């Protein structure tokens, strides 16, 4: 169900009944793209049942699903068709179309070609945990996350969200953990039930922005530590928790490549509707334990409106335990219903 995690905090004690949520989302129920429409975004049934509920409640957890459909025509094809029209106009009139006319021809060409384009559908799960005050999406990119936030604040005028922030940034914590590993031994470098696995990405902060990636590689080596000392900071690190969940932690506090490990879903029901309920209950139940432990491993949560420290400069000047940790203002996102008309691309969360 969830392949990625981005965690937002719900502000001001927001809550709504299932009936009120259903009514709000129904106004934006997903409808496929029209013949000349490039994109359609809307809410669809989490269970996949036509005309079913748009909000599901399982074990007290609210589950939503946003559908995004796009149709694209290769720009080269649009240009070719527009040029054919321009050549025909020149042949008939003896005049070449100007820039403004060519722009109109390209727009007309796109509209003519869109009905032949195949639609591409992607969906994003949304999990609302009112008890913890979390709203979690499995968006795979910042752009998809912005789509979800925009759709949510459009539906719920009084909803306010901010990205979850911790006292220690993920980048600083990952740097500490990788710096703490000993030769051929990564056990114990990460706190609590977390373990470092065999994948990471290091990136320099200089003008060259050089990147070093390790895949299926032992990270307890002098080579990794040398890169950190030279100023390359971790942007991604593969980890596991309690032998139950594997994931890649990113510098922006996203969890990528989320995977439930062998044995976690052994008791899951395999039949239809109860299978959906079991998936939701097991998935959210495990994540309700993982997320608080990850927050603790990152020094605890910064409450919305709390002070933000300065940004880190290199892997050799990391704050020690108990000290404030680097966190930039640009990493904080606050979205309310009043922001619904903002450009989604401007909602930067890290």
C-alpha atoms as a PDB file:
ATOM      1  CA  UNK A   1       0.000   0.000   0.000  1.00  0.00           C
ATOM      2  CA  UNK A   2       2.608   2.580   1.082  1.00  0.00           C
ATOM      3  CA  UNK A   3       5.897   2.633  -0.852  1.00  0.00           C
ATOM      4  CA  UNK A   4       7.022   6.058   0.428  1.00  0.00           C
ATOM      5  CA  UNK A   5       6.256   8.208   3.463  1.00  0.00           C
ATOM      6  CA  UNK A   6       6.019  11.969   3.923  1.00  0.00           C
ATOM      7  CA  UNK A   7       4.672  12.949   7.338  1.00  0.00           C
ATOM      8  CA  UNK A   8       2.795  16.197   7.978  1.00  0.00           C
ATOM      9  CA  UNK A   9       1.548  17.498  11.305  1.00  0.00           C
ATOM     10  CA  UNK A  10      -2.125  18.475  11.484  1.00  0.00           C
ATOM     11  CA  UNK A  11      -2.391  21.814  13.254  1.00  0.00           C
ATOM     12  CA  UNK A  12      -4.991  23.378  15.506  1.00  0.00           C
ATOM     13  CA  UNK A  13      -6.607  20.081  16.467  1.00  0.00           C
ATOM     14  CA  UNK A  14      -8.360  19.717  13.105  1.00  0.00           C
ATOM     15  CA  UNK A  15     -10.917  16.953  12.878  1.00  0.00           C
ATOM     16  CA  UNK A  16     -13.984  16.114  10.818  1.00  0.00           C
ATOM     17  CA  UNK A  17     -16.563  13.364  10.827  1.00  0.00           C
ATOM     18  CA  UNK A  18     -16.465  10.687   8.141  1.00  0.00           C
ATOM     19  CA  UNK A  19     -19.693  12.074   6.708  1.00  0.00           C
ATOM     20  CA  UNK A  20     -18.307  15.610   6.454  1.00  0.00           C
ATOM     21  CA  UNK A  21     -15.089  14.374   4.842  1.00  0.00           C
ATOM     22  CA  UNK A  22     -17.012  12.238   2.364  1.00  0.00           C
ATOM     23  CA  UNK A  23     -19.166  15.186   1.356  1.00  0.00           C
ATOM     24  CA  UNK A  24     -16.155  17.471   0.920  1.00  0.00           C
ATOM     25  CA  UNK A  25     -14.216  14.984  -1.218  1.00  0.00           C
ATOM     26  CA  UNK A  26     -17.218  14.024  -3.341  1.00  0.00           C
ATOM     27  CA  UNK A  27     -17.151  17.489  -4.917  1.00  0.00           C
ATOM     28  CA  UNK A  28     -13.760  16.528  -6.408  1.00  0.00           C
ATOM     29  CA  UNK A  29     -14.378  12.877  -7.242  1.00  0.00           C
ATOM     30  CA  UNK A  30     -12.011  11.728  -9.971  1.00  0.00           C
ATOM     31  CA  UNK A  31     -13.184  11.995 -13.582  1.00  0.00           C
ATOM     32  CA  UNK A  32     -10.982  10.803 -16.447  1.00  0.00           C
ATOM     33  CA  UNK A  33      -9.464  13.326 -18.837  1.00  0.00           C
ATOM     34  CA  UNK A  34     -11.686  14.625 -21.622  1.00  0.00           C
ATOM     35  CA  UNK A  35     -10.615  14.292 -25.248  1.00  0.00           C
ATOM     36  CA  UNK A  36      -8.535  17.492 -25.235  1.00  0.00           C
ATOM     37  CA  UNK A  37      -7.709  17.584 -21.518  1.00  0.00           C
ATOM     38  CA  UNK A  38      -4.064  17.104 -20.513  1.00  0.00           C
ATOM     39  CA  UNK A  39      -4.563  16.429 -16.797  1.00  0.00           C
ATOM     40  CA  UNK A  40      -7.243  15.424 -14.311  1.00  0.00           C
ATOM     41  CA  UNK A  41      -6.876  15.167 -10.515  1.00  0.00           C
ATOM     42  CA  UNK A  42      -9.485  13.883  -8.097  1.00  0.00           C
ATOM     43  CA  UNK A  43     -10.356  11.540  -5.255  1.00  0.00           C
ATOM     44  CA  UNK A  44     -11.110   7.900  -5.942  1.00  0.00           C
ATOM     45  CA  UNK A  45     -12.373   4.937  -3.920  1.00  0.00           C
ATOM     46  CA  UNK A  46      -9.610   3.428  -1.730  1.00  0.00           C
ATOM     47  CA  UNK A  47     -11.136  -0.052  -2.042  1.00  0.00           C
ATOM     48  CA  UNK A  48     -11.395   0.262  -5.823  1.00  0.00           C
ATOM     49  CA  UNK A  49     -15.161  -0.226  -5.788  1.00  0.00           C
ATOM     50  CA  UNK A  50     -16.990   2.010  -8.252  1.00  0.00           C
ATOM     51  CA  UNK A  51     -19.191   4.620  -6.580  1.00  0.00           C
ATOM     52  CA  UNK A  52     -17.949   3.493  -3.152  1.00  0.00           C
ATOM     53  CA  UNK A  53     -16.857   5.685  -0.230  1.00  0.00           C
ATOM     54  CA  UNK A  54     -13.962   8.096  -0.782  1.00  0.00           C
ATOM     55  CA  UNK A  55     -12.962   7.889   2.888  1.00  0.00           C
ATOM     56  CA  UNK A  56     -12.362   4.549   4.596  1.00  0.00           C
ATOM     57  CA  UNK A  57     -12.003   4.137   8.348  1.00  0.00           C
ATOM     58  CA  UNK A  58     -10.126   1.049   9.560  1.00  0.00           C
ATOM     59  CA  UNK A  59      -9.138   0.661  13.209  1.00  0.00           C
ATOM     60  CA  UNK A  60      -9.665   4.398  13.676  1.00  0.00           C
ATOM     61  CA  UNK A  61      -7.405   5.335  10.751  1.00  0.00           C
ATOM     62  CA  UNK A  62      -8.724   7.370   7.797  1.00  0.00           C
ATOM     63  CA  UNK A  63      -7.567   6.271   4.341  1.00  0.00           C
ATOM     64  CA  UNK A  64      -7.954   8.358   1.156  1.00  0.00           C
ATOM     65  CA  UNK A  65      -6.651   7.937  -2.386  1.00  0.00           C
ATOM     66  CA  UNK A  66      -5.865  10.692  -4.892  1.00  0.00           C
ATOM     67  CA  UNK A  67      -5.836   9.807  -8.592  1.00  0.00           C
ATOM     68  CA  UNK A  68      -3.766  11.803 -11.090  1.00  0.00           C
ATOM     69  CA  UNK A  69      -4.264  11.190 -14.799  1.00  0.00           C
ATOM     70  CA  UNK A  70      -2.134  12.820 -17.467  1.00  0.00           C
ATOM     71  CA  UNK A  71      -2.001  12.684 -21.249  1.00  0.00           C
ATOM     72  CA  UNK A  72       1.154  13.733 -23.029  1.00  0.00           C
ATOM     73  CA  UNK A  73       2.065  14.243 -26.666  1.00  0.00           C
ATOM     74  CA  UNK A  74       5.790  14.309 -27.571  1.00  0.00           C
ATOM     75  CA  UNK A  75       6.843  17.892 -28.217  1.00  0.00           C
ATOM     76  CA  UNK A  76       8.598  16.791 -31.411  1.00  0.00           C
ATOM     77  CA  UNK A  77       5.288  15.438 -32.747  1.00  0.00           C
ATOM     78  CA  UNK A  78       3.529  18.710 -31.915  1.00  0.00           C
ATOM     79  CA  UNK A  79       6.268  20.710 -33.655  1.00  0.00           C
ATOM     80  CA  UNK A  80       6.123  18.492 -36.750  1.00  0.00           C
ATOM     81  CA  UNK A  81       2.360  18.858 -37.096  1.00  0.00           C
ATOM     82  CA  UNK A  82       2.544  22.621 -36.523  1.00  0.00           C
ATOM     83  CA  UNK A  83       5.326  22.898 -39.124  1.00  0.00           C
ATOM     84  CA  UNK A  84       3.215  20.969 -41.640  1.00  0.00           C
ATOM     85  CA  UNK A  85       0.432  23.510 -41.164  1.00  0.00           C
ATOM     86  CA  UNK A  86       2.923  26.393 -41.444  1.00  0.00           C
ATOM     87  CA  UNK A  87       4.338  24.970 -44.695  1.00  0.00           C
ATOM     88  CA  UNK A  88       0.821  24.649 -46.096  1.00  0.00           C
ATOM     89  CA  UNK A  89       0.007  28.273 -45.166  1.00  0.00           C
ATOM     90  CA  UNK A  90       3.234  29.476 -46.807  1.00  0.00           C
ATOM     91  CA  UNK A  91       2.472  27.474 -49.942  1.00  0.00           C
ATOM     92  CA  UNK A  92      -1.026  28.947 -50.157  1.00  0.00           C
ATOM     93  CA  UNK A  93      -0.271  32.570 -49.233  1.00  0.00           C
ATOM     94  CA  UNK A  94       3.426  32.996 -49.952  1.00  0.00           C
ATOM     95  CA  UNK A  95       3.993  34.211 -46.380  1.00  0.00           C
ATOM     96  CA  UNK A  96       5.675  32.392 -43.495  1.00  0.00           C
ATOM     97  CA  UNK A  97       3.711  32.474 -40.217  1.00  0.00           C
ATOM     98  CA  UNK A  98       5.242  34.726 -37.560  1.00  0.00           C
ATOM     99  CA  UNK A  99       6.112  33.767 -33.990  1.00  0.00           C
ATOM    100  CA  UNK A 100       2.640  34.499 -32.621  1.00  0.00           C
ATOM    101  CA  UNK A 101       0.995  32.525 -35.413  1.00  0.00           C
ATOM    102  CA  UNK A 102       3.391  29.590 -34.912  1.00  0.00           C
ATOM    103  CA  UNK A 103       2.498  29.522 -31.231  1.00  0.00           C
ATOM    104  CA  UNK A 104      -1.180  29.290 -32.159  1.00  0.00           C
ATOM    105  CA  UNK A 105      -0.411  26.518 -34.645  1.00  0.00           C
ATOM    106  CA  UNK A 106       1.417  24.522 -31.951  1.00  0.00           C
ATOM    107  CA  UNK A 107      -1.524  24.958 -29.572  1.00  0.00           C
ATOM    108  CA  UNK A 108      -3.937  23.794 -32.283  1.00  0.00           C
ATOM    109  CA  UNK A 109      -1.668  20.831 -33.065  1.00  0.00           C
ATOM    110  CA  UNK A 110      -1.630  19.787 -29.405  1.00  0.00           C
ATOM    111  CA  UNK A 111      -5.428  19.923 -29.188  1.00  0.00           C
ATOM    112  CA  UNK A 112      -5.685  17.846 -32.368  1.00  0.00           C
ATOM    113  CA  UNK A 113      -3.266  15.206 -31.096  1.00  0.00           C
ATOM    114  CA  UNK A 114      -4.457  14.894 -27.466  1.00  0.00           C
ATOM    115  CA  UNK A 115      -7.471  12.663 -28.283  1.00  0.00           C
ATOM    116  CA  UNK A 116      -5.005  10.095 -29.667  1.00  0.00           C
ATOM    117  CA  UNK A 117      -2.750  10.177 -26.592  1.00  0.00           C
ATOM    118  CA  UNK A 118      -2.922   7.339 -24.082  1.00  0.00           C
ATOM    119  CA  UNK A 119      -3.701   8.426 -20.504  1.00  0.00           C
ATOM    120  CA  UNK A 120      -1.303   7.594 -17.685  1.00  0.00           C
ATOM    121  CA  UNK A 121      -2.717   7.104 -14.199  1.00  0.00           C
ATOM    122  CA  UNK A 122      -0.862   7.384 -10.908  1.00  0.00           C
ATOM    123  CA  UNK A 123      -2.382   7.291  -7.434  1.00  0.00           C
ATOM    124  CA  UNK A 124      -1.245   8.555  -4.045  1.00  0.00           C
ATOM    125  CA  UNK A 125      -2.425   7.090  -0.741  1.00  0.00           C
ATOM    126  CA  UNK A 126      -3.226   9.395   2.165  1.00  0.00           C
ATOM    127  CA  UNK A 127      -3.401   8.189   5.766  1.00  0.00           C
ATOM    128  CA  UNK A 128      -4.863  10.446   8.456  1.00  0.00           C
ATOM    129  CA  UNK A 129      -4.123   9.533  12.074  1.00  0.00           C
ATOM    130  CA  UNK A 130      -6.125  11.988  14.154  1.00  0.00           C
ATOM    131  CA  UNK A 131      -4.927  10.540  17.471  1.00  0.00           C
ATOM    132  CA  UNK A 132      -1.283  11.369  16.663  1.00  0.00           C
ATOM    133  CA  UNK A 133      -2.119  14.438  14.584  1.00  0.00           C
ATOM    134  CA  UNK A 134      -0.409  13.018  11.470  1.00  0.00           C
ATOM    135  CA  UNK A 135      -1.289  13.207   7.813  1.00  0.00           C
ATOM    136  CA  UNK A 136       0.893  10.824   5.824  1.00  0.00           C
ATOM    137  CA  UNK A 137       1.196  10.459   2.045  1.00  0.00           C
ATOM    138  CA  UNK A 138       3.077   7.946  -0.071  1.00  0.00           C
ATOM    139  CA  UNK A 139       3.912  10.528  -2.749  1.00  0.00           C
ATOM    140  CA  UNK A 140       7.088   9.552  -4.588  1.00  0.00           C
ATOM    141  CA  UNK A 141       8.171  13.123  -5.361  1.00  0.00           C
ATOM    142  CA  UNK A 142       7.773  16.663  -4.085  1.00  0.00           C
ATOM    143  CA  UNK A 143       5.563  17.463  -7.050  1.00  0.00           C
ATOM    144  CA  UNK A 144       3.159  14.637  -6.214  1.00  0.00           C
ATOM    145  CA  UNK A 145       3.190  15.673  -2.559  1.00  0.00           C
ATOM    146  CA  UNK A 146       2.262  19.219  -3.579  1.00  0.00           C
ATOM    147  CA  UNK A 147      -0.629  17.820  -5.639  1.00  0.00           C
ATOM    148  CA  UNK A 148      -1.958  15.993  -2.577  1.00  0.00           C
ATOM    149  CA  UNK A 149      -1.620  18.997  -0.248  1.00  0.00           C
ATOM    150  CA  UNK A 150      -3.309  21.274  -2.772  1.00  0.00           C
ATOM    151  CA  UNK A 151      -6.218  18.834  -3.191  1.00  0.00           C
ATOM    152  CA  UNK A 152      -6.597  18.448   0.581  1.00  0.00           C
ATOM    153  CA  UNK A 153      -6.701  22.147   1.408  1.00  0.00           C
ATOM    154  CA  UNK A 154      -9.096  22.679  -1.487  1.00  0.00           C
ATOM    155  CA  UNK A 155     -11.450  20.104   0.020  1.00  0.00           C
ATOM    156  CA  UNK A 156     -11.042  21.143   3.672  1.00  0.00           C
ATOM    157  CA  UNK A 157     -10.977  24.925   4.137  1.00  0.00           C
ATOM    158  CA  UNK A 158      -9.941  24.761   7.802  1.00  0.00           C
ATOM    159  CA  UNK A 159      -7.135  22.214   7.370  1.00  0.00           C
ATOM    160  CA  UNK A 160      -3.623  23.412   8.280  1.00  0.00           C
ATOM    161  CA  UNK A 161      -0.549  21.258   7.739  1.00  0.00           C
ATOM    162  CA  UNK A 162       3.170  21.561   8.338  1.00  0.00           C
ATOM    163  CA  UNK A 163       5.931  19.109   7.533  1.00  0.00           C
ATOM    164  CA  UNK A 164       7.122  17.144  10.532  1.00  0.00           C
ATOM    165  CA  UNK A 165      10.377  18.650  11.822  1.00  0.00           C
ATOM    166  CA  UNK A 166      12.872  17.150  14.275  1.00  0.00           C
ATOM    167  CA  UNK A 167      15.561  18.653  16.508  1.00  0.00           C
ATOM    168  CA  UNK A 168      18.257  16.793  14.575  1.00  0.00           C
ATOM    169  CA  UNK A 169      17.969  16.921  10.808  1.00  0.00           C
ATOM    170  CA  UNK A 170      18.084  13.576   9.008  1.00  0.00           C
ATOM    171  CA  UNK A 171      21.267  14.659   7.221  1.00  0.00           C
ATOM    172  CA  UNK A 172      23.059  15.432  10.475  1.00  0.00           C
ATOM    173  CA  UNK A 173      21.875  12.186  12.048  1.00  0.00           C
ATOM    174  CA  UNK A 174      22.903  10.110   9.015  1.00  0.00           C
ATOM    175  CA  UNK A 175      26.312  11.756   9.092  1.00  0.00           C
ATOM    176  CA  UNK A 176      26.750  10.858  12.771  1.00  0.00           C
ATOM    177  CA  UNK A 177      25.639   7.286  12.260  1.00  0.00           C
ATOM    178  CA  UNK A 178      27.929   6.681   9.277  1.00  0.00           C
ATOM    179  CA  UNK A 179      30.816   8.349  11.093  1.00  0.00           C
ATOM    180  CA  UNK A 180      30.248   6.087  14.113  1.00  0.00           C
ATOM    181  CA  UNK A 181      30.555   2.767  12.276  1.00  0.00           C
ATOM    182  CA  UNK A 182      33.675   0.748  12.960  1.00  0.00           C
ATOM    183  CA  UNK A 183      35.657  -1.319  10.485  1.00  0.00           C
ATOM    184  CA  UNK A 184      33.438  -4.035   8.988  1.00  0.00           C
ATOM    185  CA  UNK A 185      30.760  -3.388  11.612  1.00  0.00           C
ATOM    186  CA  UNK A 186      27.667  -1.201  11.310  1.00  0.00           C
ATOM    187  CA  UNK A 187      25.701  -2.723  14.183  1.00  0.00           C
ATOM    188  CA  UNK A 188      25.127  -0.240  16.981  1.00  0.00           C
ATOM    189  CA  UNK A 189      25.911   2.838  14.880  1.00  0.00           C
ATOM    190  CA  UNK A 190      22.228   3.751  14.585  1.00  0.00           C
ATOM    191  CA  UNK A 191      20.116   4.171  17.735  1.00  0.00           C
ATOM    192  CA  UNK A 192      17.389   1.958  19.155  1.00  0.00           C
ATOM    193  CA  UNK A 193      15.942  -0.679  16.864  1.00  0.00           C
ATOM    194  CA  UNK A 194      17.377   0.892  13.701  1.00  0.00           C
ATOM    195  CA  UNK A 195      20.107  -0.686  11.597  1.00  0.00           C
ATOM    196  CA  UNK A 196      22.178   0.681   8.740  1.00  0.00           C
ATOM    197  CA  UNK A 197      21.855  -1.342   5.545  1.00  0.00           C
ATOM    198  CA  UNK A 198      23.888  -1.398   2.310  1.00  0.00           C
ATOM    199  CA  UNK A 199      22.926   1.715   0.362  1.00  0.00           C
ATOM    200  CA  UNK A 200      23.669   5.417   0.696  1.00  0.00           C
ATOM    201  CA  UNK A 201      24.246   8.584  -1.306  1.00  0.00           C
ATOM    202  CA  UNK A 202      26.731  11.301  -0.372  1.00  0.00           C
ATOM    203  CA  UNK A 203      26.728  14.754  -1.941  1.00  0.00           C
ATOM    204  CA  UNK A 204      29.159  17.659  -1.637  1.00  0.00           C
ATOM    205  CA  UNK A 205      27.931  21.163  -0.910  1.00  0.00           C
ATOM    206  CA  UNK A 206      30.465  22.920  -3.164  1.00  0.00           C
ATOM    207  CA  UNK A 207      29.938  24.251  -6.665  1.00  0.00           C
ATOM    208  CA  UNK A 208      30.660  20.897  -8.276  1.00  0.00           C
ATOM    209  CA  UNK A 209      27.855  19.161  -6.306  1.00  0.00           C
ATOM    210  CA  UNK A 210      29.706  15.865  -6.719  1.00  0.00           C
ATOM    211  CA  UNK A 211      27.767  12.731  -5.774  1.00  0.00           C
ATOM    212  CA  UNK A 212      28.967   9.337  -4.575  1.00  0.00           C
ATOM    213  CA  UNK A 213      26.524   6.421  -4.463  1.00  0.00           C
ATOM    214  CA  UNK A 214      26.960   3.087  -2.717  1.00  0.00           C
ATOM    215  CA  UNK A 215      24.587   0.256  -3.670  1.00  0.00           C
ATOM    216  CA  UNK A 216      24.701  -3.231  -2.152  1.00  0.00           C
ATOM    217  CA  UNK A 217      27.907  -2.111  -0.476  1.00  0.00           C
ATOM    218  CA  UNK A 218      29.339  -2.487   3.009  1.00  0.00           C
ATOM    219  CA  UNK A 219      29.172   1.022   4.504  1.00  0.00           C
ATOM    220  CA  UNK A 220      31.537   0.259   7.394  1.00  0.00           C
ATOM    221  CA  UNK A 221      34.606   1.259   5.396  1.00  0.00           C
ATOM    222  CA  UNK A 222      37.270   3.938   5.491  1.00  0.00           C
ATOM    223  CA  UNK A 223      36.151   5.007   2.009  1.00  0.00           C
ATOM    224  CA  UNK A 224      32.739   6.125   3.271  1.00  0.00           C
ATOM    225  CA  UNK A 225      34.202   7.926   6.297  1.00  0.00           C
ATOM    226  CA  UNK A 226      36.807   9.624   4.094  1.00  0.00           C
ATOM    227  CA  UNK A 227      34.109  11.076   1.840  1.00  0.00           C
ATOM    228  CA  UNK A 228      32.289  12.448   4.906  1.00  0.00           C
ATOM    229  CA  UNK A 229      35.454  14.020   6.309  1.00  0.00           C
ATOM    230  CA  UNK A 230      36.028  15.654   2.916  1.00  0.00           C
ATOM    231  CA  UNK A 231      32.628  17.324   3.205  1.00  0.00           C
ATOM    232  CA  UNK A 232      30.239  15.046   1.343  1.00  0.00           C
ATOM    233  CA  UNK A 233      27.041  14.761   3.378  1.00  0.00           C
ATOM    234  CA  UNK A 234      24.511  11.908   3.243  1.00  0.00           C
ATOM    235  CA  UNK A 235      21.334  12.610   1.294  1.00  0.00           C
ATOM    236  CA  UNK A 236      19.979   9.037   1.377  1.00  0.00           C
ATOM    237  CA  UNK A 237      20.657   6.090   3.673  1.00  0.00           C
ATOM    238  CA  UNK A 238      19.118   2.617   3.589  1.00  0.00           C
ATOM    239  CA  UNK A 239      17.979   1.445   7.017  1.00  0.00           C
ATOM    240  CA  UNK A 240      15.769  -1.149   8.686  1.00  0.00           C
ATOM    241  CA  UNK A 241      13.755  -1.087  11.888  1.00  0.00           C
ATOM    242  CA  UNK A 242      13.419  -4.047  14.245  1.00  0.00           C
ATOM    243  CA  UNK A 243      13.856  -6.427  11.315  1.00  0.00           C
ATOM    244  CA  UNK A 244      10.285  -5.555  10.276  1.00  0.00           C
ATOM    245  CA  UNK A 245      10.471  -2.551   7.944  1.00  0.00           C
ATOM    246  CA  UNK A 246      13.125  -1.523   5.445  1.00  0.00           C
ATOM    247  CA  UNK A 247      13.366   1.995   3.998  1.00  0.00           C
ATOM    248  CA  UNK A 248      15.668   4.680   2.642  1.00  0.00           C
ATOM    249  CA  UNK A 249      15.802   7.815   4.793  1.00  0.00           C
ATOM    250  CA  UNK A 250      16.340  11.047   2.858  1.00  0.00           C
ATOM    251  CA  UNK A 251      17.715  14.422   3.896  1.00  0.00           C
ATOM    252  CA  UNK A 252      14.213  15.911   3.573  1.00  0.00           C
ATOM    253  CA  UNK A 253      12.725  13.467   6.107  1.00  0.00           C
ATOM    254  CA  UNK A 254      11.050  11.273   3.497  1.00  0.00           C
ATOM    255  CA  UNK A 255      11.089   7.509   3.696  1.00  0.00           C
ATOM    256  CA  UNK A 256      11.587   5.900   0.284  1.00  0.00           C
ATOM    257  CA  UNK A 257      11.472   2.261  -0.855  1.00  0.00           C
ATOM    258  CA  UNK A 258       9.326   1.339   2.141  1.00  0.00           C
ATOM    259  CA  UNK A 259       9.118  -2.452   2.439  1.00  0.00           C
ATOM    260  CA  UNK A 260       7.615  -4.705   5.093  1.00  0.00           C
ATOM    261  CA  UNK A 261      10.050  -7.522   5.696  1.00  0.00           C
ATOM    262  CA  UNK A 262       9.474 -11.244   5.816  1.00  0.00           C
ATOM    263  CA  UNK A 263       6.952 -12.381   8.409  1.00  0.00           C
ATOM    264  CA  UNK A 264       5.212  -9.047   9.032  1.00  0.00           C
ATOM    265  CA  UNK A 265       2.178  -9.894   6.881  1.00  0.00           C
ATOM    266  CA  UNK A 266       2.042 -13.623   7.618  1.00  0.00           C
ATOM    267  CA  UNK A 267      -1.317 -13.322   9.391  1.00  0.00           C
ATOM    268  CA  UNK A 268      -2.893 -11.103   6.729  1.00  0.00           C
ATOM    269  CA  UNK A 269      -6.281 -12.154   5.358  1.00  0.00           C
ATOM    270  CA  UNK A 270      -6.220 -12.802   1.609  1.00  0.00           C
ATOM    271  CA  UNK A 271      -9.896 -12.382   0.789  1.00  0.00           C
ATOM    272  CA  UNK A 272     -11.355  -9.248  -0.792  1.00  0.00           C
ATOM    273  CA  UNK A 273     -12.646  -6.612   1.563  1.00  0.00           C
ATOM    274  CA  UNK A 274     -11.148  -8.097   4.718  1.00  0.00           C
ATOM    275  CA  UNK A 275      -7.807  -8.168   2.877  1.00  0.00           C
ATOM    276  CA  UNK A 276      -7.964  -4.387   2.445  1.00  0.00           C
ATOM    277  CA  UNK A 277      -8.846  -3.943   6.118  1.00  0.00           C
ATOM    278  CA  UNK A 278      -5.980  -6.231   7.144  1.00  0.00           C
ATOM    279  CA  UNK A 279      -3.508  -4.344   4.945  1.00  0.00           C
ATOM    280  CA  UNK A 280      -4.539  -1.009   6.434  1.00  0.00           C
ATOM    281  CA  UNK A 281      -4.539  -2.277  10.023  1.00  0.00           C
ATOM    282  CA  UNK A 282      -1.150  -4.008   9.721  1.00  0.00           C
ATOM    283  CA  UNK A 283       0.498  -1.200   7.745  1.00  0.00           C
ATOM    284  CA  UNK A 284      -0.659   1.656   9.956  1.00  0.00           C
ATOM    285  CA  UNK A 285      -0.086  -0.397  13.104  1.00  0.00           C
ATOM    286  CA  UNK A 286       3.568  -0.963  12.218  1.00  0.00           C
ATOM    287  CA  UNK A 287       4.095   2.633  11.104  1.00  0.00           C
ATOM    288  CA  UNK A 288       2.541   3.955  14.324  1.00  0.00           C
ATOM    289  CA  UNK A 289       5.467   2.309  16.113  1.00  0.00           C
ATOM    290  CA  UNK A 290       8.166   3.178  13.582  1.00  0.00           C
ATOM    291  CA  UNK A 291       7.434   6.914  13.212  1.00  0.00           C
ATOM    292  CA  UNK A 292       7.693   7.829  16.939  1.00  0.00           C
ATOM    293  CA  UNK A 293      10.943   5.851  17.257  1.00  0.00           C
ATOM    294  CA  UNK A 294      12.389   7.608  14.223  1.00  0.00           C
ATOM    295  CA  UNK A 295      11.380  10.977  15.674  1.00  0.00           C
ATOM    296  CA  UNK A 296      13.118  10.014  18.942  1.00  0.00           C
ATOM    297  CA  UNK A 297      16.236   8.926  17.042  1.00  0.00           C
ATOM    298  CA  UNK A 298      16.276  12.394  15.449  1.00  0.00           C
ATOM    299  CA  UNK A 299      16.199  14.214  18.790  1.00  0.00           C
ATOM    300  CA  UNK A 300      12.463  14.645  19.171  1.00  0.00           C
ATOM    301  CA  UNK A 301       9.929  16.775  17.359  1.00  0.00           C
ATOM    302  CA  UNK A 302      10.127  20.542  16.950  1.00  0.00           C
ATOM    303  CA  UNK A 303       6.707  21.958  17.636  1.00  0.00           C
ATOM    304  CA  UNK A 304       5.280  24.230  14.912  1.00  0.00           C
ATOM    305  CA  UNK A 305       6.557  27.751  15.458  1.00  0.00           C
ATOM    306  CA  UNK A 306       9.657  26.564  17.312  1.00  0.00           C
ATOM    307  CA  UNK A 307      13.087  28.073  16.674  1.00  0.00           C
ATOM    308  CA  UNK A 308      15.027  26.794  13.663  1.00  0.00           C
ATOM    309  CA  UNK A 309      18.826  26.401  14.020  1.00  0.00           C
ATOM    310  CA  UNK A 310      21.392  27.206  11.323  1.00  0.00           C
ATOM    311  CA  UNK A 311      22.290  24.822   8.499  1.00  0.00           C
ATOM    312  CA  UNK A 312      25.221  22.338   8.681  1.00  0.00           C
ATOM    313  CA  UNK A 313      28.352  23.023   6.661  1.00  0.00           C
ATOM    314  CA  UNK A 314      30.261  19.728   6.667  1.00  0.00           C
ATOM    315  CA  UNK A 315      30.424  16.273   8.091  1.00  0.00           C
ATOM    316  CA  UNK A 316      33.182  17.184  10.550  1.00  0.00           C
ATOM    317  CA  UNK A 317      31.309  19.885  12.426  1.00  0.00           C
ATOM    318  CA  UNK A 318      28.291  17.935  13.595  1.00  0.00           C
ATOM    319  CA  UNK A 319      26.406  19.032  16.689  1.00  0.00           C
ATOM    320  CA  UNK A 320      26.853  16.656  19.607  1.00  0.00           C
ATOM    321  CA  UNK A 321      23.964  15.103  21.506  1.00  0.00           C
ATOM    322  CA  UNK A 322      22.057  17.684  23.498  1.00  0.00           C
ATOM    323  CA  UNK A 323      23.004  20.566  21.224  1.00  0.00           C
ATOM    324  CA  UNK A 324      20.644  22.276  18.796  1.00  0.00           C
ATOM    325  CA  UNK A 325      20.885  20.902  15.302  1.00  0.00           C
ATOM    326  CA  UNK A 326      20.902  22.554  11.868  1.00  0.00           C
ATOM    327  CA  UNK A 327      17.561  23.051  10.154  1.00  0.00           C
ATOM    328  CA  UNK A 328      16.802  25.570   7.457  1.00  0.00           C
ATOM    329  CA  UNK A 329      13.687  27.723   7.175  1.00  0.00           C
ATOM    330  CA  UNK A 330      13.175  26.490   3.609  1.00  0.00           C
ATOM    331  CA  UNK A 331      12.621  22.979   5.008  1.00  0.00           C
ATOM    332  CA  UNK A 332       9.410  24.034   6.765  1.00  0.00           C
ATOM    333  CA  UNK A 333       6.081  24.013   4.971  1.00  0.00           C
ATOM    334  CA  UNK A 334       2.912  25.482   6.382  1.00  0.00           C
ATOM    335  CA  UNK A 335      -0.207  25.090   4.304  1.00  0.00           C
ATOM    336  CA  UNK A 336      -3.708  26.138   5.214  1.00  0.00           C
ATOM    337  CA  UNK A 337      -7.011  26.323   3.423  1.00  0.00           C
ATOM    338  CA  UNK A 338      -6.276  29.979   2.728  1.00  0.00           C
ATOM    339  CA  UNK A 339      -3.339  28.872   0.531  1.00  0.00           C
ATOM    340  CA  UNK A 340      -5.449  26.805  -1.856  1.00  0.00           C
ATOM    341  CA  UNK A 341      -4.910  29.209  -4.756  1.00  0.00           C
ATOM    342  CA  UNK A 342      -1.146  29.125  -4.474  1.00  0.00           C
ATOM    343  CA  UNK A 343       0.945  27.498  -7.171  1.00  0.00           C
ATOM    344  CA  UNK A 344       1.622  23.912  -5.954  1.00  0.00           C
ATOM    345  CA  UNK A 345       5.173  24.168  -7.246  1.00  0.00           C
ATOM    346  CA  UNK A 346       5.864  26.905  -4.723  1.00  0.00           C
ATOM    347  CA  UNK A 347       5.080  24.634  -1.760  1.00  0.00           C
ATOM    348  CA  UNK A 348       8.604  23.532  -0.983  1.00  0.00           C
ATOM    349  CA  UNK A 349       9.059  21.054   1.838  1.00  0.00           C
ATOM    350  CA  UNK A 350      12.674  20.223   1.664  1.00  0.00           C
END
